[in-house]
N, C-alpha and C. Protein backbone atom coordinates (compact mmCIF):
# COMPACT_ATOMS: atom_id res chain seq x y z
N MET A 1 27.14 50.86 -31.71
CA MET A 1 27.01 50.98 -30.30
C MET A 1 27.77 52.12 -29.52
N GLU A 2 27.37 53.64 -29.48
CA GLU A 2 27.81 54.31 -28.75
C GLU A 2 28.08 54.50 -26.99
N VAL A 3 28.24 53.65 -26.33
CA VAL A 3 28.31 53.59 -25.23
C VAL A 3 29.06 55.24 -23.99
N SER A 4 29.01 56.05 -23.50
CA SER A 4 29.68 57.54 -22.98
C SER A 4 29.26 58.07 -21.63
N PRO A 5 29.58 58.53 -20.74
CA PRO A 5 29.18 58.96 -19.54
C PRO A 5 27.88 59.84 -20.22
N LEU A 6 26.52 59.51 -19.02
CA LEU A 6 25.30 60.92 -19.26
C LEU A 6 24.66 60.60 -17.71
N THR A 7 24.49 61.26 -17.39
CA THR A 7 23.01 61.52 -16.76
C THR A 7 21.90 60.91 -17.03
N ILE A 8 21.42 60.09 -16.57
CA ILE A 8 20.02 59.43 -16.80
C ILE A 8 19.44 59.87 -15.49
N ASP A 9 17.99 60.85 -15.41
CA ASP A 9 17.49 60.92 -14.77
C ASP A 9 15.85 60.10 -14.73
N GLY A 10 15.36 59.92 -13.82
CA GLY A 10 14.08 59.27 -13.00
C GLY A 10 13.10 59.76 -12.02
N THR A 11 11.99 59.48 -11.62
CA THR A 11 11.37 59.86 -10.81
C THR A 11 12.54 60.23 -9.19
N HIS A 12 11.93 59.03 -8.43
CA HIS A 12 12.62 59.15 -7.58
C HIS A 12 14.54 59.36 -7.46
N ILE A 13 15.48 58.74 -8.54
CA ILE A 13 16.72 58.29 -8.32
C ILE A 13 17.10 59.05 -10.34
N ARG A 14 18.45 60.07 -9.26
CA ARG A 14 19.25 60.15 -10.79
C ARG A 14 20.32 59.38 -10.56
N LEU A 15 20.86 58.73 -11.97
CA LEU A 15 22.08 57.74 -12.30
C LEU A 15 23.27 58.72 -12.84
N GLU A 16 24.38 60.39 -12.55
CA GLU A 16 24.89 60.14 -12.67
C GLU A 16 26.63 59.77 -13.18
N PRO A 17 27.37 59.66 -13.85
CA PRO A 17 28.74 59.07 -14.32
C PRO A 17 28.94 59.33 -12.55
N LEU A 18 29.65 58.24 -12.85
CA LEU A 18 30.90 58.38 -11.26
C LEU A 18 32.02 59.18 -11.01
N ALA A 19 32.39 59.58 -9.99
CA ALA A 19 33.06 60.52 -10.45
C ALA A 19 34.29 61.18 -9.38
N LYS A 20 36.13 61.05 -8.62
CA LYS A 20 36.41 60.67 -7.72
C LYS A 20 35.81 62.06 -6.60
N SER A 21 34.50 63.19 -7.44
CA SER A 21 34.07 63.91 -6.73
C SER A 21 32.94 63.22 -5.05
N HIS A 22 32.94 61.90 -5.22
CA HIS A 22 31.72 60.84 -4.87
C HIS A 22 32.39 59.72 -4.26
N SER A 23 33.43 60.34 -3.73
CA SER A 23 33.98 59.23 -3.21
C SER A 23 33.28 59.35 -0.93
N ASP A 24 34.12 60.33 -0.96
CA ASP A 24 33.34 60.27 0.47
C ASP A 24 31.48 60.20 0.78
N ALA A 25 31.12 60.42 0.02
CA ALA A 25 29.49 60.46 -0.47
C ALA A 25 29.26 58.43 -0.76
N LEU A 26 30.04 58.18 -1.43
CA LEU A 26 30.06 57.04 -1.40
C LEU A 26 30.27 56.10 0.11
N TYR A 27 31.49 56.18 0.86
CA TYR A 27 31.78 55.49 0.78
C TYR A 27 30.80 55.99 3.11
N ALA A 28 30.21 57.06 2.69
CA ALA A 28 28.50 56.81 3.89
C ALA A 28 27.86 55.67 3.97
N ALA A 29 28.09 55.73 2.30
CA ALA A 29 26.85 54.68 1.97
C ALA A 29 27.55 53.63 2.24
N ALA A 30 28.04 52.78 1.76
CA ALA A 30 28.85 51.75 2.45
C ALA A 30 28.80 51.87 3.71
N ALA A 31 29.10 52.42 4.59
CA ALA A 31 28.47 52.64 5.39
C ALA A 31 27.62 52.41 6.62
N ASP A 32 26.74 52.89 5.70
CA ASP A 32 25.08 52.81 6.07
C ASP A 32 24.68 50.72 6.11
N GLY A 33 24.78 50.26 7.33
CA GLY A 33 25.00 48.95 7.26
C GLY A 33 26.03 47.96 7.11
N GLU A 34 27.49 48.64 6.93
CA GLU A 34 28.72 48.16 6.52
C GLU A 34 28.49 47.06 6.17
N LEU A 35 28.32 47.28 4.88
CA LEU A 35 28.01 46.99 3.18
C LEU A 35 29.47 45.86 3.18
N TRP A 36 30.62 45.56 4.13
CA TRP A 36 31.69 45.54 3.22
C TRP A 36 32.35 44.27 3.83
N ASN A 37 30.84 43.99 5.01
CA ASN A 37 30.36 42.66 5.25
C ASN A 37 30.02 41.74 4.88
N SER A 38 29.51 41.94 3.58
CA SER A 38 28.87 40.52 2.93
C SER A 38 30.26 40.24 2.71
N LYS A 39 29.34 38.94 2.60
CA LYS A 39 30.22 38.08 1.94
C LYS A 39 30.31 37.62 0.28
N VAL A 40 28.93 38.45 -0.21
CA VAL A 40 28.38 37.83 -1.63
C VAL A 40 28.65 38.97 -2.43
N THR A 41 29.14 40.07 -1.83
CA THR A 41 29.43 41.80 -2.27
C THR A 41 30.29 42.12 -1.86
N SER A 42 31.56 42.72 -3.43
CA SER A 42 32.62 43.23 -2.71
C SER A 42 32.43 45.31 -2.96
N VAL A 43 32.57 45.72 -1.30
CA VAL A 43 32.12 46.89 -1.38
C VAL A 43 33.16 47.60 -0.22
N PRO A 44 33.79 48.57 -0.51
CA PRO A 44 34.73 49.50 -0.35
C PRO A 44 34.44 49.58 1.45
N GLY A 45 35.67 48.77 1.69
CA GLY A 45 35.09 49.28 3.55
C GLY A 45 36.38 50.59 4.39
N SER A 46 36.89 51.50 3.36
CA SER A 46 37.49 52.67 3.77
C SER A 46 37.40 52.90 2.67
N LEU A 47 37.89 54.65 3.34
CA LEU A 47 37.81 56.06 3.43
C LEU A 47 38.56 55.44 1.40
N GLN A 48 39.80 54.91 2.01
CA GLN A 48 40.65 54.66 0.63
C GLN A 48 40.63 53.81 -0.08
N ALA A 49 40.06 52.93 0.66
CA ALA A 49 39.38 52.44 -0.85
C ALA A 49 38.65 52.41 -1.74
N THR A 50 37.58 52.96 -1.28
CA THR A 50 36.76 53.58 -2.13
C THR A 50 37.29 54.41 -3.43
N ALA A 51 37.96 55.41 -2.78
CA ALA A 51 38.57 56.22 -3.53
C ALA A 51 39.54 55.04 -4.91
N GLU A 52 40.18 53.90 -4.13
CA GLU A 52 40.59 52.99 -4.82
C GLU A 52 39.81 52.28 -6.05
N TYR A 53 38.24 52.35 -4.98
CA TYR A 53 37.22 51.77 -6.41
C TYR A 53 36.88 52.07 -7.51
N ILE A 54 36.64 53.31 -7.50
CA ILE A 54 36.65 54.89 -7.97
C ILE A 54 36.99 54.88 -9.09
N ASP A 55 38.71 55.18 -8.73
CA ASP A 55 39.79 55.23 -9.71
C ASP A 55 40.14 53.46 -10.89
N ASP A 56 39.56 52.72 -9.75
CA ASP A 56 38.94 51.28 -11.28
C ASP A 56 37.42 51.87 -11.25
N ALA A 57 37.37 52.02 -11.44
CA ALA A 57 36.14 52.13 -11.68
C ALA A 57 36.06 52.81 -13.42
N LEU A 58 36.72 54.20 -12.96
CA LEU A 58 37.45 55.33 -14.00
C LEU A 58 37.77 54.77 -14.76
N SER A 59 39.00 53.97 -14.18
CA SER A 59 40.11 53.41 -15.33
C SER A 59 39.67 52.14 -16.16
N GLY A 60 38.79 51.60 -15.19
CA GLY A 60 37.76 50.92 -17.25
C GLY A 60 36.47 51.54 -17.80
N GLN A 61 36.62 52.75 -17.47
CA GLN A 61 36.22 53.39 -18.25
C GLN A 61 36.70 54.45 -19.42
N ALA A 62 37.25 54.49 -19.06
CA ALA A 62 38.39 55.09 -20.39
C ALA A 62 38.77 53.76 -21.31
N GLN A 63 38.86 52.53 -20.90
CA GLN A 63 39.60 51.31 -21.64
C GLN A 63 38.06 50.96 -22.59
N GLY A 64 37.02 51.64 -22.05
CA GLY A 64 35.99 51.78 -22.50
C GLY A 64 35.19 49.80 -21.87
N ARG A 65 35.74 49.59 -20.80
CA ARG A 65 34.84 48.13 -20.31
C ARG A 65 33.63 48.55 -19.78
N PHE A 66 33.59 49.86 -19.23
CA PHE A 66 32.89 49.90 -17.71
C PHE A 66 32.21 51.60 -18.05
N LEU A 67 30.96 51.79 -17.39
CA LEU A 67 30.33 52.26 -18.22
C LEU A 67 29.83 52.70 -15.92
N PRO A 68 30.46 53.80 -15.41
CA PRO A 68 30.35 53.85 -13.76
C PRO A 68 28.64 54.57 -13.22
N PHE A 69 28.04 54.26 -11.94
CA PHE A 69 27.27 56.29 -11.81
C PHE A 69 26.92 55.44 -10.48
N ALA A 70 27.23 56.60 -10.55
CA ALA A 70 26.74 57.47 -8.63
C ALA A 70 24.70 57.32 -8.72
N ILE A 71 23.88 56.65 -8.25
CA ILE A 71 23.11 56.33 -7.60
C ILE A 71 22.40 57.45 -6.42
N ILE A 72 21.11 58.84 -7.12
CA ILE A 72 21.39 59.20 -6.26
C ILE A 72 20.33 59.30 -6.47
N ARG A 73 19.88 60.09 -4.95
CA ARG A 73 18.09 60.58 -4.04
C ARG A 73 17.98 61.40 -4.76
N LYS A 74 16.61 61.78 -5.56
CA LYS A 74 16.52 63.16 -5.75
C LYS A 74 16.48 63.76 -5.20
N THR A 75 15.17 63.66 -3.65
CA THR A 75 15.32 64.34 -2.60
C THR A 75 15.69 64.50 -1.78
N SER A 76 16.60 64.11 -1.51
CA SER A 76 17.84 65.04 -0.48
C SER A 76 19.71 64.61 -1.64
N GLY A 77 19.71 64.53 -2.54
CA GLY A 77 21.34 65.04 -3.30
C GLY A 77 21.79 64.21 -2.34
N THR A 78 21.58 62.90 -1.78
CA THR A 78 22.19 61.82 -1.31
C THR A 78 22.63 60.55 -2.49
N VAL A 79 23.84 60.20 -2.57
CA VAL A 79 24.68 59.53 -2.84
C VAL A 79 24.12 57.78 -1.51
N VAL A 80 22.78 57.00 -2.61
CA VAL A 80 22.78 56.13 -1.95
C VAL A 80 23.77 54.77 -2.52
N GLY A 81 24.35 54.29 -3.78
CA GLY A 81 25.33 53.65 -4.21
C GLY A 81 25.66 53.54 -5.12
N THR A 82 25.75 52.94 -5.65
CA THR A 82 26.53 52.57 -7.06
C THR A 82 25.66 51.58 -8.05
N THR A 83 26.23 51.84 -9.78
CA THR A 83 26.40 50.54 -9.99
C THR A 83 26.75 50.92 -11.13
N ARG A 84 26.89 50.36 -11.98
CA ARG A 84 27.72 50.16 -13.76
C ARG A 84 27.10 50.15 -14.67
N TYR A 85 27.25 50.45 -16.17
CA TYR A 85 27.83 48.86 -17.11
C TYR A 85 28.84 47.87 -17.16
N ARG A 86 29.10 46.86 -17.94
CA ARG A 86 30.26 46.43 -17.75
C ARG A 86 30.44 45.31 -18.43
N ALA A 87 31.33 44.89 -18.97
CA ALA A 87 31.46 43.76 -20.04
C ALA A 87 30.28 44.52 -21.84
N ILE A 88 31.18 45.42 -21.33
CA ILE A 88 30.47 46.46 -23.10
C ILE A 88 31.00 45.32 -24.03
N GLU A 89 29.97 44.90 -25.32
CA GLU A 89 30.78 44.54 -26.96
C GLU A 89 29.69 45.30 -27.53
N ARG A 90 31.05 46.25 -28.04
CA ARG A 90 29.87 47.00 -28.90
C ARG A 90 29.76 46.20 -29.93
N ALA A 91 30.33 45.49 -30.66
CA ALA A 91 30.17 44.91 -31.83
C ALA A 91 28.97 43.71 -32.26
N HIS A 92 28.64 43.84 -30.82
CA HIS A 92 27.44 42.88 -30.74
C HIS A 92 26.57 43.04 -29.95
N ARG A 93 26.76 44.57 -29.91
CA ARG A 93 25.12 44.74 -29.03
C ARG A 93 25.11 43.54 -27.71
N ARG A 94 25.40 44.28 -26.84
CA ARG A 94 25.37 43.49 -25.16
C ARG A 94 26.39 44.18 -24.37
N LEU A 95 26.01 44.21 -23.12
CA LEU A 95 26.34 44.35 -21.87
C LEU A 95 25.82 43.69 -20.73
N GLU A 96 26.78 43.70 -19.45
CA GLU A 96 25.86 42.91 -18.78
C GLU A 96 25.66 45.37 -17.20
N ILE A 97 24.45 44.72 -16.93
CA ILE A 97 24.53 45.82 -15.79
C ILE A 97 24.70 45.29 -14.16
N GLY A 98 25.76 45.55 -13.27
CA GLY A 98 26.56 44.64 -12.29
C GLY A 98 27.27 45.96 -11.74
N SER A 99 27.89 45.37 -10.54
CA SER A 99 27.99 45.61 -9.33
C SER A 99 27.69 47.13 -9.05
N THR A 100 26.32 46.45 -9.18
CA THR A 100 25.01 47.00 -8.22
C THR A 100 25.03 47.04 -6.32
N TRP A 101 25.58 48.14 -5.22
CA TRP A 101 25.20 47.96 -4.19
C TRP A 101 24.62 49.50 -3.48
N LEU A 102 24.25 49.63 -3.03
CA LEU A 102 22.81 50.27 -2.15
C LEU A 102 23.28 50.12 -0.61
N ALA A 103 23.35 51.22 0.67
CA ALA A 103 23.46 52.00 1.63
C ALA A 103 22.28 51.65 1.80
N THR A 104 21.85 50.08 3.06
CA THR A 104 20.97 49.68 3.78
C THR A 104 19.83 50.14 3.75
N SER A 105 19.31 51.76 3.79
CA SER A 105 18.26 52.56 4.28
C SER A 105 17.54 52.43 3.00
N ALA A 106 18.55 52.27 1.08
CA ALA A 106 17.85 53.06 -0.18
C ALA A 106 17.21 50.87 -0.43
N GLN A 107 17.67 50.15 0.49
CA GLN A 107 17.37 48.76 0.28
C GLN A 107 15.52 48.18 -0.07
N ARG A 108 15.06 47.70 -0.66
CA ARG A 108 14.05 47.26 -0.32
C ARG A 108 12.76 48.62 -0.54
N THR A 109 13.26 49.21 -1.78
CA THR A 109 12.82 50.37 -1.71
C THR A 109 12.73 50.58 -3.66
N VAL A 110 12.13 51.34 -3.49
CA VAL A 110 12.47 51.55 -5.45
C VAL A 110 13.43 52.11 -6.07
N VAL A 111 14.48 52.08 -5.51
CA VAL A 111 15.87 52.56 -6.24
C VAL A 111 16.60 51.57 -6.67
N ASN A 112 16.65 50.36 -6.38
CA ASN A 112 17.30 49.63 -7.14
C ASN A 112 15.94 49.40 -8.63
N THR A 113 15.07 49.06 -7.91
CA THR A 113 13.77 48.91 -9.37
C THR A 113 14.11 50.20 -10.51
N GLU A 114 14.02 51.13 -9.68
CA GLU A 114 14.08 52.32 -11.16
C GLU A 114 15.34 52.33 -11.60
N ALA A 115 16.22 51.75 -11.20
CA ALA A 115 17.94 52.23 -11.10
C ALA A 115 18.20 50.78 -12.37
N LYS A 116 17.20 50.14 -12.59
CA LYS A 116 17.06 49.02 -13.02
C LYS A 116 16.83 49.36 -14.81
N PHE A 117 15.98 49.68 -13.67
CA PHE A 117 14.43 50.66 -15.73
C PHE A 117 15.74 51.25 -16.16
N LEU A 118 15.84 52.31 -15.92
CA LEU A 118 16.77 53.20 -16.45
C LEU A 118 17.71 53.11 -17.15
N LEU A 119 18.23 51.84 -16.65
CA LEU A 119 19.29 51.17 -17.81
C LEU A 119 19.21 50.41 -18.26
N LEU A 120 17.93 49.76 -17.91
CA LEU A 120 17.76 48.29 -18.81
C LEU A 120 16.80 49.48 -20.35
N LYS A 121 16.09 50.68 -19.66
CA LYS A 121 15.63 51.25 -21.34
C LYS A 121 16.91 52.15 -22.35
N HIS A 122 17.69 52.75 -21.49
CA HIS A 122 18.56 53.34 -22.53
C HIS A 122 19.80 52.78 -22.97
N ALA A 123 19.39 50.72 -22.42
CA ALA A 123 20.11 50.02 -22.83
C ALA A 123 19.76 49.71 -23.90
N PHE A 124 18.08 49.36 -24.32
CA PHE A 124 17.41 49.00 -25.12
C PHE A 124 16.79 49.99 -26.27
N GLU A 125 16.54 50.95 -25.78
CA GLU A 125 16.12 51.97 -26.48
C GLU A 125 16.80 53.29 -27.48
N VAL A 126 17.71 53.44 -26.54
CA VAL A 126 19.23 54.31 -26.71
C VAL A 126 20.51 53.22 -26.83
N LEU A 127 20.82 53.31 -26.68
CA LEU A 127 22.28 52.06 -27.33
C LEU A 127 22.05 51.45 -28.59
N GLY A 128 20.69 50.03 -28.32
CA GLY A 128 19.92 49.38 -29.44
C GLY A 128 21.10 47.94 -29.09
N CYS A 129 21.13 47.39 -27.43
CA CYS A 129 21.61 46.47 -27.29
C CYS A 129 19.94 45.20 -27.67
N LEU A 130 20.81 43.67 -28.04
CA LEU A 130 19.82 43.32 -28.69
C LEU A 130 20.02 41.96 -27.04
N ARG A 131 20.92 42.18 -25.74
CA ARG A 131 21.58 41.58 -24.97
C ARG A 131 21.60 41.65 -23.56
N VAL A 132 21.16 41.71 -22.87
CA VAL A 132 21.65 42.90 -21.50
C VAL A 132 21.60 41.19 -20.55
N GLU A 133 22.87 41.66 -19.57
CA GLU A 133 22.92 40.17 -18.89
C GLU A 133 22.83 40.67 -17.85
N PHE A 134 23.00 39.73 -17.08
CA PHE A 134 22.94 40.16 -15.43
C PHE A 134 24.13 38.75 -14.98
N LEU A 135 25.43 38.68 -13.89
CA LEU A 135 25.33 38.11 -13.07
C LEU A 135 25.80 38.37 -11.68
N THR A 136 25.42 37.18 -10.63
CA THR A 136 25.96 37.77 -9.29
C THR A 136 25.95 36.27 -8.36
N ASP A 137 26.30 36.65 -7.22
CA ASP A 137 26.85 35.11 -6.83
C ASP A 137 25.67 33.80 -6.26
N VAL A 138 26.24 33.32 -6.51
CA VAL A 138 24.76 31.79 -6.69
C VAL A 138 24.32 31.72 -5.41
N LEU A 139 25.92 31.91 -4.39
CA LEU A 139 24.94 32.00 -2.77
C LEU A 139 24.26 32.53 -2.72
N ASN A 140 23.63 34.83 -3.11
CA ASN A 140 23.37 36.01 -2.94
C ASN A 140 21.69 35.30 -3.60
N GLU A 141 21.88 35.53 -2.70
CA GLU A 141 19.95 34.93 -3.05
C GLU A 141 18.29 36.02 -3.05
N GLY A 142 19.67 36.91 -2.61
CA GLY A 142 18.47 37.93 -2.48
C GLY A 142 18.28 38.74 -4.02
N SER A 143 20.24 38.86 -4.49
CA SER A 143 19.54 39.23 -5.44
C SER A 143 19.27 38.36 -6.97
N ARG A 144 19.85 37.56 -7.02
CA ARG A 144 19.57 36.57 -7.45
C ARG A 144 17.47 36.22 -8.02
N LYS A 145 16.64 36.86 -6.24
CA LYS A 145 15.48 37.11 -6.46
C LYS A 145 15.48 38.39 -7.06
N ALA A 146 15.88 39.38 -6.94
CA ALA A 146 15.72 40.28 -7.37
C ALA A 146 16.17 40.56 -9.36
N ILE A 147 17.07 39.92 -9.26
CA ILE A 147 16.92 39.87 -10.64
C ILE A 147 15.66 39.21 -11.46
N LEU A 148 15.56 38.31 -10.98
CA LEU A 148 13.96 37.16 -11.51
C LEU A 148 12.69 38.45 -11.18
N ARG A 149 12.66 38.73 -10.38
CA ARG A 149 11.85 39.96 -10.79
C ARG A 149 11.84 40.63 -11.14
N LEU A 150 13.40 41.08 -11.75
CA LEU A 150 13.08 42.00 -12.69
C LEU A 150 12.34 41.11 -14.53
N GLY A 151 12.37 39.93 -14.28
CA GLY A 151 11.81 39.97 -15.74
C GLY A 151 12.52 39.03 -16.74
N ALA A 152 14.23 39.07 -15.69
CA ALA A 152 15.12 38.45 -16.47
C ALA A 152 15.41 36.46 -16.23
N LYS A 153 16.07 36.10 -17.81
CA LYS A 153 16.12 34.95 -17.38
C LYS A 153 17.32 33.93 -16.75
N GLN A 154 17.09 33.21 -15.51
CA GLN A 154 17.73 32.29 -15.65
C GLN A 154 18.27 31.49 -16.99
N GLU A 155 19.99 31.54 -17.21
CA GLU A 155 20.59 31.22 -18.20
C GLU A 155 21.29 29.21 -18.01
N GLY A 156 22.05 29.59 -16.47
CA GLY A 156 23.29 28.41 -16.14
C GLY A 156 24.51 28.94 -15.37
N ILE A 157 24.78 28.35 -14.73
CA ILE A 157 25.81 28.61 -13.41
C ILE A 157 27.51 28.81 -14.18
N LEU A 158 28.29 29.34 -14.34
CA LEU A 158 29.67 29.53 -14.62
C LEU A 158 30.59 29.27 -12.81
N ARG A 159 30.49 28.24 -13.34
CA ARG A 159 31.80 27.73 -11.82
C ARG A 159 32.81 28.35 -11.70
N TYR A 160 32.89 28.60 -10.83
CA TYR A 160 34.33 28.80 -9.72
C TYR A 160 35.66 29.86 -10.96
N HIS A 161 34.07 31.05 -11.04
CA HIS A 161 34.12 32.17 -12.01
C HIS A 161 34.97 33.25 -11.48
N MET A 162 34.63 33.53 -9.97
CA MET A 162 35.18 34.90 -9.72
C MET A 162 36.36 34.09 -8.10
N VAL A 163 37.41 35.23 -7.91
CA VAL A 163 38.27 34.54 -6.68
C VAL A 163 37.42 35.71 -5.30
N MET A 164 36.58 34.92 -4.48
CA MET A 164 36.29 36.61 -3.78
C MET A 164 37.10 37.22 -2.71
N PRO A 165 37.18 38.73 -1.78
CA PRO A 165 38.17 38.58 -1.11
C PRO A 165 37.90 37.44 0.12
N GLY A 166 39.61 37.45 0.58
CA GLY A 166 38.75 36.01 1.48
C GLY A 166 39.53 34.73 0.49
N GLY A 167 39.31 34.83 -0.22
CA GLY A 167 40.09 34.10 -1.27
C GLY A 167 39.09 32.33 -1.91
N ARG A 168 37.46 32.54 -1.87
CA ARG A 168 36.04 31.76 -1.81
C ARG A 168 35.94 31.35 -3.45
N GLN A 169 35.71 30.63 -3.91
CA GLN A 169 36.08 30.34 -5.66
C GLN A 169 34.55 30.57 -5.74
N ARG A 170 34.42 31.48 -6.13
CA ARG A 170 33.04 32.02 -6.58
C ARG A 170 32.54 31.22 -7.78
N ASP A 171 30.68 30.78 -8.31
CA ASP A 171 30.24 30.36 -8.62
C ASP A 171 29.16 31.74 -8.81
N SER A 172 29.08 31.68 -10.40
CA SER A 172 28.05 33.06 -10.59
C SER A 172 26.93 32.62 -11.24
N VAL A 173 25.85 33.09 -10.96
CA VAL A 173 24.63 33.34 -12.05
C VAL A 173 24.25 33.94 -13.52
N CYS A 174 24.08 33.29 -14.81
CA CYS A 174 24.01 34.08 -15.71
C CYS A 174 22.41 34.46 -16.16
N TYR A 175 22.19 35.40 -15.91
CA TYR A 175 20.65 36.45 -16.88
C TYR A 175 21.05 36.82 -17.89
N SER A 176 19.84 37.47 -18.30
CA SER A 176 19.67 37.64 -19.67
C SER A 176 17.65 38.57 -19.44
N ILE A 177 18.73 39.74 -20.34
CA ILE A 177 16.86 39.61 -21.20
C ILE A 177 17.44 40.03 -22.66
N VAL A 178 16.59 40.12 -22.99
CA VAL A 178 17.25 40.05 -25.02
C VAL A 178 16.08 41.20 -25.59
N SER A 179 16.39 41.70 -26.83
CA SER A 179 15.68 42.55 -27.29
C SER A 179 14.40 42.15 -27.69
N PRO A 180 13.90 40.80 -28.09
CA PRO A 180 12.28 40.55 -28.42
C PRO A 180 11.59 40.47 -26.78
N GLU A 181 11.77 40.22 -25.31
CA GLU A 181 11.02 40.79 -24.69
C GLU A 181 11.56 41.47 -23.60
N TRP A 182 12.13 42.82 -23.68
CA TRP A 182 11.95 44.11 -23.37
C TRP A 182 10.23 45.11 -23.26
N PRO A 183 10.11 44.24 -24.11
CA PRO A 183 8.28 45.67 -23.93
C PRO A 183 7.26 44.70 -23.16
N GLU A 184 7.51 43.58 -22.47
CA GLU A 184 6.57 43.55 -21.57
C GLU A 184 7.73 43.03 -20.02
N VAL A 185 9.22 42.84 -20.38
CA VAL A 185 10.14 43.94 -19.32
C VAL A 185 9.30 44.96 -18.71
N LYS A 186 9.35 45.83 -19.43
CA LYS A 186 9.11 47.16 -19.36
C LYS A 186 7.73 47.16 -18.87
N ALA A 187 6.79 47.10 -19.54
CA ALA A 187 5.54 47.19 -18.78
C ALA A 187 5.46 46.27 -17.49
N GLY A 188 6.11 45.41 -17.33
CA GLY A 188 6.33 45.07 -16.16
C GLY A 188 7.00 46.09 -14.77
N LEU A 189 7.95 46.52 -15.56
CA LEU A 189 8.88 47.22 -14.16
C LEU A 189 8.41 48.53 -14.33
N GLU A 190 7.31 49.53 -15.26
CA GLU A 190 6.27 50.43 -15.17
C GLU A 190 5.63 50.34 -14.16
N ALA A 191 4.92 49.11 -13.73
CA ALA A 191 3.15 48.37 -13.04
C ALA A 191 4.43 47.90 -11.56
N LYS A 192 6.06 47.86 -11.67
CA LYS A 192 6.23 47.99 -9.75
C LYS A 192 6.14 49.80 -9.67
N LEU A 193 7.01 49.42 -10.77
CA LEU A 193 7.25 51.50 -10.31
C LEU A 193 6.17 52.61 -9.77
N ARG A 194 4.82 51.23 -10.12
CA ARG A 194 3.75 52.97 -10.37
C ARG A 194 3.58 52.06 -8.75
N GLN A 195 3.31 50.91 -8.03
CA GLN A 195 3.06 50.09 -6.89
C GLN A 195 4.36 50.84 -5.68
N SER A 196 5.59 50.41 -6.07
CA SER A 196 6.61 50.37 -5.34
C SER A 196 6.81 51.49 -4.26
N ARG A 197 7.34 51.28 -2.85
CA ARG A 197 7.50 52.44 -1.58
C ARG A 197 8.30 53.61 -2.37
N GLU A 198 7.62 55.09 -2.15
CA GLU A 198 9.22 55.75 -2.21
C GLU A 198 9.75 55.74 -0.81
N ILE A 199 10.93 56.27 -1.40
CA ILE A 199 11.91 57.14 -1.08
C ILE A 199 11.43 57.99 0.36
N THR A 200 11.10 57.54 1.52
CA THR A 200 11.42 58.41 2.72
C THR A 200 12.58 59.54 2.94
C-alpha cells in the first residue's frame, strides 16, 4: 500500500498536499468562525500555532504516519480547511480519515461530503485499503451524525482515549467502512453529491 503525497481533484474542491505555504490561508480558514473556540476539535488559534500545526503534520508525513491535505475551493482557490489520512497501517491495509476541520462558511455545504468521498475512493480503489476508520469526540454530535451519513458503521467507544486542550479526558467513538461495503457506500455518496448544495 503506497501512500504518498498527491493532489486529488473533485468537482467542487481540490485536495492538495498540505505545505508550509498554506499557513496564512489555513489560519484564515480557522478564523472564519473562530474554530479554535470549539471544545471538541483541536484547531490552531494563531498564525504561529498554524505554522506549528503544519510542521507537526509534515513531520508525521515524513514518518509515514500521516498524509495531510489542504482543502481548496475550486471556484476561488481559497483554502477552506484541512483533512488527512492518519494511523496508516500498510501491512494491514487500513488507515483513518481524520483531523478534518472546515471554515464555518464551508460547513453544511458539499465540501465535507466531497472531501470524504475523494479520500474514501482513493483509499479503496487506488490504495487497496480493506478498512477505513473514523474517530471523533463522543461529545461532537455534529461529527458523529456526519460520519454516519457517510455510510460508516459505529463500532464502539474508546474510553479516556485522548487528552484535549484544557485537560479534559476525551472518549472517542470509532466508526469504520470495510471494502465489501464500499460499492454501496460509494453509490450513496454519489447520490448525496448530486443533491448537495454547491459552494457559492
